[in-house]
Amino acid sequence: MHRRRLTKMMSSKKMNSRCIEKMATANAVVIFSRSSCCLCHAVKRLFSGMGVSPTVHELDQHPKGKHLYRALSSLFTASASAAVPVVFIGGNLVGGIDAVLASHINGTLVPLLRQAGALWL
C-alpha cells in the first residue's frame, strides 16, 4: 500500500511538471504569480511598461495552484526566497524577479523578448 501511494505521488509530480511545461510554452512570456505578491506585481509592471503582454497564471486563483506552486518551487534551490514570480520567455525558464531584473539591467532582457516574439521594436 505504501508503494502505491509513493507511485501516485511520483506520477502527480510528473503530471504537474508537464502541466507547467505546457503552460510555459503556450505563449511568448508566461508569469506564474500570486495576486497578492508585491514582487509578482513588480515584474508584471516591468513587462507592461515595456509593452509586453505576458500570460499570467495567478496560482492563488488556479484550481491546481497549490500543486503547481510546489512543482515551481522544486525548480529552484533551497536558497531561493520565494517560488513566485516565475518567468518563462520563449518557453525557457528565466527565473524569479532577481533574474529578470538582472537581465533587464545588463541588457539581455530585450533581446530575449524580441527572439521570443514578445517585442517588435
PDB file of N, CA and C in Angstrom:
ATOM      1  N   MET A   1       0.825  -1.191   0.000  1.00  0.00           N
ATOM      2  CA  MET A   1       0.000   0.000   0.000  1.00  0.00           C
ATOM      3  C   MET A   1       0.872   1.260   0.000  1.00  0.00           C
ATOM      4  N   HIS A   2       1.950   1.256   0.777  1.00  0.00           N
ATOM      5  CA  HIS A   2       2.853   2.404   0.821  1.00  0.00           C
ATOM      6  C   HIS A   2       3.457   2.658  -0.556  1.00  0.00           C
ATOM      7  N   ARG A   3       3.810   1.581  -1.246  1.00  0.00           N
ATOM      8  CA  ARG A   3       4.388   1.702  -2.591  1.00  0.00           C
ATOM      9  C   ARG A   3       3.384   2.341  -3.554  1.00  0.00           C
ATOM     10  N   ARG A   4       2.125   1.995  -3.418  1.00  0.00           N
ATOM     11  CA  ARG A   4       1.092   2.538  -4.290  1.00  0.00           C
ATOM     12  C   ARG A   4       0.958   4.049  -4.083  1.00  0.00           C
ATOM     13  N   ARG A   5       1.006   4.504  -2.822  1.00  0.00           N
ATOM     14  CA  ARG A   5       0.931   5.937  -2.526  1.00  0.00           C
ATOM     15  C   ARG A   5       2.131   6.676  -3.096  1.00  0.00           C
ATOM     16  N   LEU A   6       3.324   6.099  -2.935  1.00  0.00           N
ATOM     17  CA  LEU A   6       4.544   6.709  -3.443  1.00  0.00           C
ATOM     18  C   LEU A   6       4.485   6.825  -4.960  1.00  0.00           C
ATOM     19  N   THR A   7       4.030   5.785  -5.632  1.00  0.00           N
ATOM     20  CA  THR A   7       3.906   5.803  -7.089  1.00  0.00           C
ATOM     21  C   THR A   7       2.914   6.877  -7.518  1.00  0.00           C
ATOM     22  N   LYS A   8       1.810   7.009  -6.793  1.00  0.00           N
ATOM     23  CA  LYS A   8       0.809   8.025  -7.111  1.00  0.00           C
ATOM     24  C   LYS A   8       1.395   9.423  -6.943  1.00  0.00           C
ATOM     25  N   MET A   9       2.184   9.629  -5.871  1.00  0.00           N
ATOM     26  CA  MET A   9       2.807  10.935  -5.647  1.00  0.00           C
ATOM     27  C   MET A   9       3.804  11.253  -6.749  1.00  0.00           C
ATOM     28  N   MET A  10       4.589  10.266  -7.170  1.00  0.00           N
ATOM     29  CA  MET A  10       5.578  10.492  -8.227  1.00  0.00           C
ATOM     30  C   MET A  10       4.895  10.819  -9.545  1.00  0.00           C
ATOM     31  N   SER A  11       3.818  10.101  -9.864  1.00  0.00           N
ATOM     32  CA  SER A  11       3.121  10.387 -11.116  1.00  0.00           C
ATOM     33  C   SER A  11       2.449  11.755 -11.057  1.00  0.00           C
ATOM     34  N   SER A  12       2.015  12.172  -9.869  1.00  0.00           N
ATOM     35  CA  SER A  12       1.431  13.506  -9.698  1.00  0.00           C
ATOM     36  C   SER A  12       2.479  14.586  -9.947  1.00  0.00           C
ATOM     37  N   LYS A  13       3.709  14.387  -9.463  1.00  0.00           N
ATOM     38  CA  LYS A  13       4.790  15.348  -9.703  1.00  0.00           C
ATOM     39  C   LYS A  13       5.094  15.461 -11.185  1.00  0.00           C
ATOM     40  N   LYS A  14       5.154  14.326 -11.875  1.00  0.00           N
ATOM     41  CA  LYS A  14       5.418  14.335 -13.311  1.00  0.00           C
ATOM     42  C   LYS A  14       4.308  15.065 -14.050  1.00  0.00           C
ATOM     43  N   MET A  15       3.066  14.801 -13.635  1.00  0.00           N
ATOM     44  CA  MET A  15       1.921  15.442 -14.274  1.00  0.00           C
ATOM     45  C   MET A  15       1.972  16.957 -14.074  1.00  0.00           C
ATOM     46  N   ASN A  16       2.302  17.410 -12.858  1.00  0.00           N
ATOM     47  CA  ASN A  16       2.394  18.840 -12.590  1.00  0.00           C
ATOM     48  C   ASN A  16       3.536  19.472 -13.376  1.00  0.00           C
ATOM     49  N   SER A  17       4.660  18.771 -13.495  1.00  0.00           N
ATOM     50  CA  SER A  17       5.788  19.282 -14.275  1.00  0.00           C
ATOM     51  C   SER A  17       5.413  19.414 -15.742  1.00  0.00           C
ATOM     52  N   ARG A  18       4.698  18.437 -16.258  1.00  0.00           N
ATOM     53  CA  ARG A  18       4.251  18.508 -17.657  1.00  0.00           C
ATOM     54  C   ARG A  18       3.255  19.652 -17.848  1.00  0.00           C
ATOM     55  N   CYS A  19       2.395  19.829 -16.874  1.00  0.00           N
ATOM     56  CA  CYS A  19       1.407  20.910 -16.935  1.00  0.00           C
ATOM     57  C   CYS A  19       2.118  22.265 -16.969  1.00  0.00           C
ATOM     58  N   ILE A  20       3.119  22.437 -16.125  1.00  0.00           N
ATOM     59  CA  ILE A  20       3.888  23.691 -16.111  1.00  0.00           C
ATOM     60  C   ILE A  20       4.594  23.885 -17.438  1.00  0.00           C
ATOM     61  N   GLU A  21       5.192  22.820 -17.950  1.00  0.00           N
ATOM     62  CA  GLU A  21       5.888  22.915 -19.238  1.00  0.00           C
ATOM     63  C   GLU A  21       4.925  23.327 -20.346  1.00  0.00           C
ATOM     64  N   LYS A  22       3.740  22.745 -20.354  1.00  0.00           N
ATOM     65  CA  LYS A  22       2.737  23.070 -21.368  1.00  0.00           C
ATOM     66  C   LYS A  22       2.286  24.521 -21.240  1.00  0.00           C
ATOM     67  N   MET A  23       2.027  24.968 -20.003  1.00  0.00           N
ATOM     68  CA  MET A  23       1.601  26.346 -19.768  1.00  0.00           C
ATOM     69  C   MET A  23       2.710  27.334 -20.126  1.00  0.00           C
ATOM     70  N   ALA A  24       3.953  26.982 -19.816  1.00  0.00           N
ATOM     71  CA  ALA A  24       5.090  27.882 -20.039  1.00  0.00           C
ATOM     72  C   ALA A  24       5.425  28.052 -21.507  1.00  0.00           C
ATOM     73  N   THR A  25       5.081  27.072 -22.322  1.00  0.00           N
ATOM     74  CA  THR A  25       5.408  27.157 -23.745  1.00  0.00           C
ATOM     75  C   THR A  25       4.234  27.641 -24.593  1.00  0.00           C
ATOM     76  N   ALA A  26       3.101  27.903 -23.964  1.00  0.00           N
ATOM     77  CA  ALA A  26       1.904  28.296 -24.712  1.00  0.00           C
ATOM     78  C   ALA A  26       1.978  29.724 -25.250  1.00  0.00           C
ATOM     79  N   ASN A  27       2.782  30.587 -24.625  1.00  0.00           N
ATOM     80  CA  ASN A  27       2.884  31.986 -25.045  1.00  0.00           C
ATOM     81  C   ASN A  27       4.334  32.451 -24.948  1.00  0.00           C
ATOM     82  N   ALA A  28       4.608  33.606 -25.556  1.00  0.00           N
ATOM     83  CA  ALA A  28       5.982  34.121 -25.586  1.00  0.00           C
ATOM     84  C   ALA A  28       6.509  34.433 -24.188  1.00  0.00           C
ATOM     85  N   VAL A  29       5.687  35.058 -23.350  1.00  0.00           N
ATOM     86  CA  VAL A  29       6.086  35.388 -21.973  1.00  0.00           C
ATOM     87  C   VAL A  29       5.003  34.877 -21.037  1.00  0.00           C
ATOM     88  N   VAL A  30       5.426  34.052 -20.091  1.00  0.00           N
ATOM     89  CA  VAL A  30       4.491  33.467 -19.134  1.00  0.00           C
ATOM     90  C   VAL A  30       5.018  33.735 -17.732  1.00  0.00           C
ATOM     91  N   ILE A  31       4.131  34.228 -16.878  1.00  0.00           N
ATOM     92  CA  ILE A  31       4.484  34.507 -15.483  1.00  0.00           C
ATOM     93  C   ILE A  31       3.567  33.699 -14.581  1.00  0.00           C
ATOM     94  N   PHE A  32       4.170  32.934 -13.684  1.00  0.00           N
ATOM     95  CA  PHE A  32       3.422  32.269 -12.624  1.00  0.00           C
ATOM     96  C   PHE A  32       3.502  33.190 -11.419  1.00  0.00           C
ATOM     97  N   SER A  33       2.365  33.536 -10.876  1.00  0.00           N
ATOM     98  CA  SER A  33       2.269  34.616  -9.909  1.00  0.00           C
ATOM     99  C   SER A  33       1.283  34.277  -8.804  1.00  0.00           C
ATOM    100  N   ARG A  34       1.274  35.121  -7.797  1.00  0.00           N
ATOM    101  CA  ARG A  34       0.212  35.137  -6.790  1.00  0.00           C
ATOM    102  C   ARG A  34      -0.335  36.552  -6.780  1.00  0.00           C
ATOM    103  N   SER A  35      -1.637  36.690  -6.759  1.00  0.00           N
ATOM    104  CA  SER A  35      -2.256  38.007  -6.911  1.00  0.00           C
ATOM    105  C   SER A  35      -1.902  38.980  -5.794  1.00  0.00           C
ATOM    106  N   SER A  36      -1.550  38.491  -4.624  1.00  0.00           N
ATOM    107  CA  SER A  36      -1.233  39.380  -3.504  1.00  0.00           C
ATOM    108  C   SER A  36       0.271  39.610  -3.317  1.00  0.00           C
ATOM    109  N   CYS A  37       1.096  39.092  -4.210  1.00  0.00           N
ATOM    110  CA  CYS A  37       2.552  39.176  -4.070  1.00  0.00           C
ATOM    111  C   CYS A  37       3.082  40.469  -4.698  1.00  0.00           C
ATOM    112  N   CYS A  38       3.771  41.282  -3.896  1.00  0.00           N
ATOM    113  CA  CYS A  38       4.283  42.561  -4.405  1.00  0.00           C
ATOM    114  C   CYS A  38       5.407  42.353  -5.426  1.00  0.00           C
ATOM    115  N   LEU A  39       6.214  41.308  -5.281  1.00  0.00           N
ATOM    116  CA  LEU A  39       7.267  41.028  -6.260  1.00  0.00           C
ATOM    117  C   LEU A  39       6.659  40.613  -7.593  1.00  0.00           C
ATOM    118  N   CYS A  40       5.576  39.861  -7.533  1.00  0.00           N
ATOM    119  CA  CYS A  40       4.865  39.467  -8.753  1.00  0.00           C
ATOM    120  C   CYS A  40       4.297  40.701  -9.450  1.00  0.00           C
ATOM    121  N   HIS A  41       3.725  41.582  -8.660  1.00  0.00           N
ATOM    122  CA  HIS A  41       3.175  42.824  -9.200  1.00  0.00           C
ATOM    123  C   HIS A  41       4.278  43.634  -9.893  1.00  0.00           C
ATOM    124  N   ALA A  42       5.440  43.702  -9.274  1.00  0.00           N
ATOM    125  CA  ALA A  42       6.555  44.471  -9.832  1.00  0.00           C
ATOM    126  C   ALA A  42       7.018  43.897 -11.174  1.00  0.00           C
ATOM    127  N   VAL A  43       7.121  42.592 -11.272  1.00  0.00           N
ATOM    128  CA  VAL A  43       7.582  42.001 -12.533  1.00  0.00           C
ATOM    129  C   VAL A  43       6.522  42.160 -13.626  1.00  0.00           C
ATOM    130  N   LYS A  44       5.247  42.063 -13.250  1.00  0.00           N
ATOM    131  CA  LYS A  44       4.177  42.284 -14.236  1.00  0.00           C
ATOM    132  C   LYS A  44       4.200  43.725 -14.730  1.00  0.00           C
ATOM    133  N   ARG A  45       4.443  44.677 -13.837  1.00  0.00           N
ATOM    134  CA  ARG A  45       4.520  46.099 -14.218  1.00  0.00           C
ATOM    135  C   ARG A  45       5.728  46.363 -15.123  1.00  0.00           C
ATOM    136  N   LEU A  46       6.837  45.690 -14.851  1.00  0.00           N
ATOM    137  CA  LEU A  46       8.028  45.846 -15.687  1.00  0.00           C
ATOM    138  C   LEU A  46       7.707  45.467 -17.125  1.00  0.00           C
ATOM    139  N   PHE A  47       7.115  44.293 -17.304  1.00  0.00           N
ATOM    140  CA  PHE A  47       6.789  43.856 -18.660  1.00  0.00           C
ATOM    141  C   PHE A  47       5.736  44.751 -19.296  1.00  0.00           C
ATOM    142  N   SER A  48       4.753  45.140 -18.543  1.00  0.00           N
ATOM    143  CA  SER A  48       3.713  46.027 -19.055  1.00  0.00           C
ATOM    144  C   SER A  48       4.315  47.354 -19.512  1.00  0.00           C
ATOM    145  N   GLY A  49       5.227  47.889 -18.723  1.00  0.00           N
ATOM    146  CA  GLY A  49       5.889  49.143 -19.069  1.00  0.00           C
ATOM    147  C   GLY A  49       6.749  49.047 -20.321  1.00  0.00           C
ATOM    148  N   MET A  50       7.189  47.836 -20.632  1.00  0.00           N
ATOM    149  CA  MET A  50       7.994  47.612 -21.837  1.00  0.00           C
ATOM    150  C   MET A  50       7.120  47.347 -23.064  1.00  0.00           C
ATOM    151  N   GLY A  51       5.806  47.270 -22.853  1.00  0.00           N
ATOM    152  CA  GLY A  51       4.893  46.991 -23.963  1.00  0.00           C
ATOM    153  C   GLY A  51       4.687  45.508 -24.210  1.00  0.00           C
ATOM    154  N   VAL A  52       5.036  44.683 -23.244  1.00  0.00           N
ATOM    155  CA  VAL A  52       4.878  43.235 -23.365  1.00  0.00           C
ATOM    156  C   VAL A  52       3.608  42.833 -22.625  1.00  0.00           C
ATOM    157  N   SER A  53       2.824  41.974 -23.239  1.00  0.00           N
ATOM    158  CA  SER A  53       1.605  41.463 -22.604  1.00  0.00           C
ATOM    159  C   SER A  53       1.822  39.996 -22.233  1.00  0.00           C
ATOM    160  N   PRO A  54       2.319  39.744 -21.037  1.00  0.00           N
ATOM    161  CA  PRO A  54       2.579  38.350 -20.654  1.00  0.00           C
ATOM    162  C   PRO A  54       1.283  37.608 -20.318  1.00  0.00           C
ATOM    163  N   THR A  55       1.337  36.312 -20.445  1.00  0.00           N
ATOM    164  CA  THR A  55       0.265  35.473 -19.927  1.00  0.00           C
ATOM    165  C   THR A  55       0.581  35.254 -18.464  1.00  0.00           C
ATOM    166  N   VAL A  56      -0.377  35.559 -17.607  1.00  0.00           N
ATOM    167  CA  VAL A  56      -0.160  35.460 -16.158  1.00  0.00           C
ATOM    168  C   VAL A  56      -1.069  34.381 -15.588  1.00  0.00           C
ATOM    169  N   HIS A  57      -0.463  33.458 -14.864  1.00  0.00           N
ATOM    170  CA  HIS A  57      -1.209  32.416 -14.167  1.00  0.00           C
ATOM    171  C   HIS A  57      -1.141  32.731 -12.673  1.00  0.00           C
ATOM    172  N   GLU A  58      -2.268  33.188 -12.132  1.00  0.00           N
ATOM    173  CA  GLU A  58      -2.347  33.506 -10.708  1.00  0.00           C
ATOM    174  C   GLU A  58      -2.596  32.204  -9.953  1.00  0.00           C
ATOM    175  N   LEU A  59      -1.576  31.705  -9.274  1.00  0.00           N
ATOM    176  CA  LEU A  59      -1.658  30.402  -8.629  1.00  0.00           C
ATOM    177  C   LEU A  59      -2.675  30.359  -7.499  1.00  0.00           C
ATOM    178  N   ASP A  60      -2.910  31.482  -6.842  1.00  0.00           N
ATOM    179  CA  ASP A  60      -3.892  31.500  -5.757  1.00  0.00           C
ATOM    180  C   ASP A  60      -5.327  31.486  -6.287  1.00  0.00           C
ATOM    181  N   GLN A  61      -5.496  31.630  -7.591  1.00  0.00           N
ATOM    182  CA  GLN A  61      -6.822  31.597  -8.193  1.00  0.00           C
ATOM    183  C   GLN A  61      -6.998  30.407  -9.136  1.00  0.00           C
ATOM    184  N   HIS A  62      -5.961  29.597  -9.270  1.00  0.00           N
ATOM    185  CA  HIS A  62      -5.976  28.444 -10.170  1.00  0.00           C
ATOM    186  C   HIS A  62      -6.451  27.213  -9.397  1.00  0.00           C
ATOM    187  N   PRO A  63      -7.303  26.369  -9.998  1.00  0.00           N
ATOM    188  CA  PRO A  63      -7.803  25.191  -9.287  1.00  0.00           C
ATOM    189  C   PRO A  63      -6.689  24.246  -8.792  1.00  0.00           C
ATOM    190  N   LYS A  64      -5.589  24.170  -9.521  1.00  0.00           N
ATOM    191  CA  LYS A  64      -4.470  23.312  -9.113  1.00  0.00           C
ATOM    192  C   LYS A  64      -3.271  24.144  -8.668  1.00  0.00           C
ATOM    193  N   GLY A  65      -3.550  25.340  -8.200  1.00  0.00           N
ATOM    194  CA  GLY A  65      -2.498  26.290  -7.848  1.00  0.00           C
ATOM    195  C   GLY A  65      -1.508  25.794  -6.818  1.00  0.00           C
ATOM    196  N   LYS A  66      -1.984  25.118  -5.783  1.00  0.00           N
ATOM    197  CA  LYS A  66      -1.088  24.618  -4.737  1.00  0.00           C
ATOM    198  C   LYS A  66      -0.116  23.596  -5.293  1.00  0.00           C
ATOM    199  N   HIS A  67      -0.609  22.714  -6.153  1.00  0.00           N
ATOM    200  CA  HIS A  67       0.251  21.692  -6.750  1.00  0.00           C
ATOM    201  C   HIS A  67       1.261  22.322  -7.707  1.00  0.00           C
ATOM    202  N   LEU A  68       0.802  23.285  -8.483  1.00  0.00           N
ATOM    203  CA  LEU A  68       1.703  23.968  -9.412  1.00  0.00           C
ATOM    204  C   LEU A  68       2.762  24.757  -8.647  1.00  0.00           C
ATOM    205  N   TYR A  69       2.367  25.369  -7.550  1.00  0.00           N
ATOM    206  CA  TYR A  69       3.306  26.129  -6.719  1.00  0.00           C
ATOM    207  C   TYR A  69       4.417  25.218  -6.208  1.00  0.00           C
ATOM    208  N   ARG A  70       4.046  24.026  -5.738  1.00  0.00           N
ATOM    209  CA  ARG A  70       5.051  23.069  -5.260  1.00  0.00           C
ATOM    210  C   ARG A  70       5.976  22.640  -6.381  1.00  0.00           C
ATOM    211  N   ALA A  71       5.428  22.407  -7.552  1.00  0.00           N
ATOM    212  CA  ALA A  71       6.250  21.999  -8.690  1.00  0.00           C
ATOM    213  C   ALA A  71       7.190  23.127  -9.102  1.00  0.00           C
ATOM    214  N   LEU A  72       6.716  24.361  -9.077  1.00  0.00           N
ATOM    215  CA  LEU A  72       7.570  25.501  -9.401  1.00  0.00           C
ATOM    216  C   LEU A  72       8.661  25.677  -8.356  1.00  0.00           C
ATOM    217  N   SER A  73       8.324  25.448  -7.093  1.00  0.00           N
ATOM    218  CA  SER A  73       9.300  25.564  -6.010  1.00  0.00           C
ATOM    219  C   SER A  73      10.459  24.605  -6.219  1.00  0.00           C
ATOM    220  N   SER A  74      10.171  23.453  -6.779  1.00  0.00           N
ATOM    221  CA  SER A  74      11.222  22.459  -6.982  1.00  0.00           C
ATOM    222  C   SER A  74      12.200  22.860  -8.097  1.00  0.00           C
ATOM    223  N   LEU A  75      11.848  23.879  -8.891  1.00  0.00           N
ATOM    224  CA  LEU A  75      12.752  24.346  -9.941  1.00  0.00           C
ATOM    225  C   LEU A  75      13.927  25.147  -9.373  1.00  0.00           C
ATOM    226  N   PHE A  76      13.762  25.629  -8.150  1.00  0.00           N
ATOM    227  CA  PHE A  76      14.764  26.486  -7.545  1.00  0.00           C
ATOM    228  C   PHE A  76      15.442  25.785  -6.378  1.00  0.00           C
ATOM    229  N   THR A  77      16.617  26.258  -6.044  1.00  0.00           N
ATOM    230  CA  THR A  77      17.353  25.702  -4.916  1.00  0.00           C
ATOM    231  C   THR A  77      16.718  26.138  -3.612  1.00  0.00           C
ATOM    232  N   ALA A  78      17.156  25.529  -2.542  1.00  0.00           N
ATOM    233  CA  ALA A  78      16.624  25.864  -1.220  1.00  0.00           C
ATOM    234  C   ALA A  78      16.928  27.304  -0.836  1.00  0.00           C
ATOM    235  N   SER A  79      17.928  27.921  -1.475  1.00  0.00           N
ATOM    236  CA  SER A  79      18.286  29.300  -1.141  1.00  0.00           C
ATOM    237  C   SER A  79      17.327  30.328  -1.728  1.00  0.00           C
ATOM    238  N   ALA A  80      16.495  29.904  -2.670  1.00  0.00           N
ATOM    239  CA  ALA A  80      15.536  30.837  -3.257  1.00  0.00           C
ATOM    240  C   ALA A  80      14.524  31.248  -2.202  1.00  0.00           C
ATOM    241  N   SER A  81      14.303  32.533  -2.080  1.00  0.00           N
ATOM    242  CA  SER A  81      13.439  33.028  -1.007  1.00  0.00           C
ATOM    243  C   SER A  81      11.959  32.788  -1.284  1.00  0.00           C
ATOM    244  N   ALA A  82      11.565  32.825  -2.527  1.00  0.00           N
ATOM    245  CA  ALA A  82      10.158  32.625  -2.856  1.00  0.00           C
ATOM    246  C   ALA A  82      10.046  31.904  -4.185  1.00  0.00           C
ATOM    247  N   ALA A  83       8.982  31.169  -4.351  1.00  0.00           N
ATOM    248  CA  ALA A  83       8.800  30.428  -5.592  1.00  0.00           C
ATOM    249  C   ALA A  83       8.105  31.252  -6.667  1.00  0.00           C
ATOM    250  N   VAL A  84       7.581  32.396  -6.322  1.00  0.00           N
ATOM    251  CA  VAL A  84       6.951  33.261  -7.315  1.00  0.00           C
ATOM    252  C   VAL A  84       7.495  34.676  -7.175  1.00  0.00           C
ATOM    253  N   PRO A  85       7.541  35.430  -8.209  1.00  0.00           N
ATOM    254  CA  PRO A  85       7.132  35.107  -9.564  1.00  0.00           C
ATOM    255  C   PRO A  85       8.138  34.184 -10.242  1.00  0.00           C
ATOM    256  N   VAL A  86       7.630  33.408 -11.186  1.00  0.00           N
ATOM    257  CA  VAL A  86       8.479  32.572 -12.030  1.00  0.00           C
ATOM    258  C   VAL A  86       8.175  32.986 -13.464  1.00  0.00           C
ATOM    259  N   VAL A  87       9.228  33.351 -14.200  1.00  0.00           N
ATOM    260  CA  VAL A  87       9.060  33.892 -15.545  1.00  0.00           C
ATOM    261  C   VAL A  87       9.683  32.953 -16.577  1.00  0.00           C
ATOM    262  N   PHE A  88       8.914  32.679 -17.616  1.00  0.00           N
ATOM    263  CA  PHE A  88       9.385  31.922 -18.769  1.00  0.00           C
ATOM    264  C   PHE A  88       9.299  32.834 -19.982  1.00  0.00           C
ATOM    265  N   ILE A  89      10.351  32.860 -20.778  1.00  0.00           N
ATOM    266  CA  ILE A  89      10.349  33.629 -22.021  1.00  0.00           C
ATOM    267  C   ILE A  89      10.730  32.676 -23.142  1.00  0.00           C
ATOM    268  N   GLY A  90       9.861  32.612 -24.147  1.00  0.00           N
ATOM    269  CA  GLY A  90      10.106  31.692 -25.257  1.00  0.00           C
ATOM    270  C   GLY A  90      10.152  30.241 -24.803  1.00  0.00           C
ATOM    271  N   GLY A  91       9.411  29.925 -23.755  1.00  0.00           N
ATOM    272  CA  GLY A  91       9.377  28.567 -23.242  1.00  0.00           C
ATOM    273  C   GLY A  91      10.543  28.200 -22.348  1.00  0.00           C
ATOM    274  N   ASN A  92      11.482  29.125 -22.173  1.00  0.00           N
ATOM    275  CA  ASN A  92      12.660  28.870 -21.340  1.00  0.00           C
ATOM    276  C   ASN A  92      12.518  29.566 -19.994  1.00  0.00           C
ATOM    277  N   LEU A  93      12.921  28.868 -18.953  1.00  0.00           N
ATOM    278  CA  LEU A  93      12.876  29.434 -17.611  1.00  0.00           C
ATOM    279  C   LEU A  93      13.911  30.533 -17.480  1.00  0.00           C
ATOM    280  N   VAL A  94      13.451  31.741 -17.179  1.00  0.00           N
ATOM    281  CA  VAL A  94      14.351  32.862 -16.899  1.00  0.00           C
ATOM    282  C   VAL A  94      14.661  32.868 -15.418  1.00  0.00           C
ATOM    283  N   GLY A  95      13.627  32.696 -14.598  1.00  0.00           N
ATOM    284  CA  GLY A  95      13.802  32.651 -13.153  1.00  0.00           C
ATOM    285  C   GLY A  95      12.827  33.565 -12.450  1.00  0.00           C
ATOM    286  N   GLY A  96      13.224  33.982 -11.268  1.00  0.00           N
ATOM    287  CA  GLY A  96      12.406  34.867 -10.464  1.00  0.00           C
ATOM    288  C   GLY A  96      12.693  36.315 -10.761  1.00  0.00           C
ATOM    289  N   ILE A  97      12.216  37.169  -9.890  1.00  0.00           N
ATOM    290  CA  ILE A  97      12.370  38.605 -10.117  1.00  0.00           C
ATOM    291  C   ILE A  97      13.830  39.019 -10.147  1.00  0.00           C
ATOM    292  N   ASP A  98      14.676  38.373  -9.352  1.00  0.00           N
ATOM    293  CA  ASP A  98      16.099  38.735  -9.347  1.00  0.00           C
ATOM    294  C   ASP A  98      16.742  38.477 -10.701  1.00  0.00           C
ATOM    295  N   ALA A  99      16.434  37.355 -11.316  1.00  0.00           N
ATOM    296  CA  ALA A  99      16.999  37.028 -12.626  1.00  0.00           C
ATOM    297  C   ALA A  99      16.449  37.943 -13.713  1.00  0.00           C
ATOM    298  N   VAL A 100      15.152  38.266 -13.630  1.00  0.00           N
ATOM    299  CA  VAL A 100      14.527  39.153 -14.624  1.00  0.00           C
ATOM    300  C   VAL A 100      15.134  40.551 -14.526  1.00  0.00           C
ATOM    301  N   LEU A 101      15.252  41.070 -13.307  1.00  0.00           N
ATOM    302  CA  LEU A 101      15.826  42.407 -13.139  1.00  0.00           C
ATOM    303  C   LEU A 101      17.296  42.447 -13.538  1.00  0.00           C
ATOM    304  N   ALA A 102      18.036  41.400 -13.228  1.00  0.00           N
ATOM    305  CA  ALA A 102      19.446  41.342 -13.615  1.00  0.00           C
ATOM    306  C   ALA A 102      19.584  41.357 -15.137  1.00  0.00           C
ATOM    307  N   SER A 103      18.737  40.587 -15.829  1.00  0.00           N
ATOM    308  CA  SER A 103      18.816  40.579 -17.292  1.00  0.00           C
ATOM    309  C   SER A 103      18.340  41.903 -17.882  1.00  0.00           C
ATOM    310  N   HIS A 104      17.418  42.565 -17.217  1.00  0.00           N
ATOM    311  CA  HIS A 104      16.967  43.885 -17.682  1.00  0.00           C
ATOM    312  C   HIS A 104      18.104  44.902 -17.524  1.00  0.00           C
ATOM    313  N   ILE A 105      18.777  44.867 -16.396  1.00  0.00           N
ATOM    314  CA  ILE A 105      19.869  45.811 -16.128  1.00  0.00           C
ATOM    315  C   ILE A 105      21.060  45.568 -17.050  1.00  0.00           C
ATOM    316  N   ASN A 106      21.396  44.303 -17.282  1.00  0.00           N
ATOM    317  CA  ASN A 106      22.576  44.039 -18.118  1.00  0.00           C
ATOM    318  C   ASN A 106      22.275  44.039 -19.617  1.00  0.00           C
ATOM    319  N   GLY A 107      21.015  44.301 -19.976  1.00  0.00           N
ATOM    320  CA  GLY A 107      20.673  44.487 -21.388  1.00  0.00           C
ATOM    321  C   GLY A 107      20.333  43.222 -22.151  1.00  0.00           C
ATOM    322  N   THR A 108      20.157  42.101 -21.479  1.00  0.00           N
ATOM    323  CA  THR A 108      19.846  40.863 -22.198  1.00  0.00           C
ATOM    324  C   THR A 108      18.352  40.547 -22.249  1.00  0.00           C
ATOM    325  N   LEU A 109      17.545  41.283 -21.503  1.00  0.00           N
ATOM    326  CA  LEU A 109      16.108  41.000 -21.472  1.00  0.00           C
ATOM    327  C   LEU A 109      15.423  41.358 -22.786  1.00  0.00           C
ATOM    328  N   VAL A 110      15.707  42.520 -23.325  1.00  0.00           N
ATOM    329  CA  VAL A 110      15.050  42.951 -24.567  1.00  0.00           C
ATOM    330  C   VAL A 110      15.366  41.990 -25.720  1.00  0.00           C
ATOM    331  N   PRO A 111      16.634  41.585 -25.920  1.00  0.00           N
ATOM    332  CA  PRO A 111      16.882  40.599 -26.981  1.00  0.00           C
ATOM    333  C   PRO A 111      16.133  39.270 -26.775  1.00  0.00           C
ATOM    334  N   LEU A 112      16.004  38.837 -25.525  1.00  0.00           N
ATOM    335  CA  LEU A 112      15.235  37.615 -25.239  1.00  0.00           C
ATOM    336  C   LEU A 112      13.781  37.792 -25.645  1.00  0.00           C
ATOM    337  N   LEU A 113      13.216  38.939 -25.315  1.00  0.00           N
ATOM    338  CA  LEU A 113      11.826  39.224 -25.648  1.00  0.00           C
ATOM    339  C   LEU A 113      11.629  39.335 -27.153  1.00  0.00           C
ATOM    340  N   ARG A 114      12.574  39.930 -27.836  1.00  0.00           N
ATOM    341  CA  ARG A 114      12.493  40.023 -29.301  1.00  0.00           C
ATOM    342  C   ARG A 114      12.565  38.643 -29.934  1.00  0.00           C
ATOM    343  N   GLN A 115      13.491  37.839 -29.475  1.00  0.00           N
ATOM    344  CA  GLN A 115      13.676  36.494 -30.010  1.00  0.00           C
ATOM    345  C   GLN A 115      12.423  35.641 -29.795  1.00  0.00           C
ATOM    346  N   ALA A 116      11.745  35.848 -28.693  1.00  0.00           N
ATOM    347  CA  ALA A 116      10.523  35.087 -28.393  1.00  0.00           C
ATOM    348  C   ALA A 116       9.306  35.630 -29.125  1.00  0.00           C
ATOM    349  N   GLY A 117       9.435  36.810 -29.731  1.00  0.00           N
ATOM    350  CA  GLY A 117       8.318  37.412 -30.443  1.00  0.00           C
ATOM    351  C   GLY A 117       7.399  38.233 -29.559  1.00  0.00           C
ATOM    352  N   ALA A 118       7.893  38.608 -28.378  1.00  0.00           N
ATOM    353  CA  ALA A 118       7.075  39.396 -27.457  1.00  0.00           C
ATOM    354  C   ALA A 118       7.249  40.892 -27.677  1.00  0.00           C
ATOM    355  N   LEU A 119       8.320  41.284 -28.317  1.00  0.00           N
ATOM    356  CA  LEU A 119       8.599  42.689 -28.650  1.00  0.00           C
ATOM    357  C   LEU A 119       8.906  42.795 -30.132  1.00  0.00           C
ATOM    358  N   TRP A 120       8.404  43.837 -30.730  1.00  0.00           N
ATOM    359  CA  TRP A 120       8.639  44.020 -32.170  1.00  0.00           C
ATOM    360  C   TRP A 120       9.678  45.071 -32.462  1.00  0.00           C
ATOM    361  N   LEU A 121       9.860  46.046 -31.605  1.00  0.00           N
ATOM    362  CA  LEU A 121      10.797  47.134 -31.866  1.00  0.00           C
ATOM    363  C   LEU A 121      12.130  46.894 -31.223  1.00  0.00           C
TER     364      LEU A 121
END
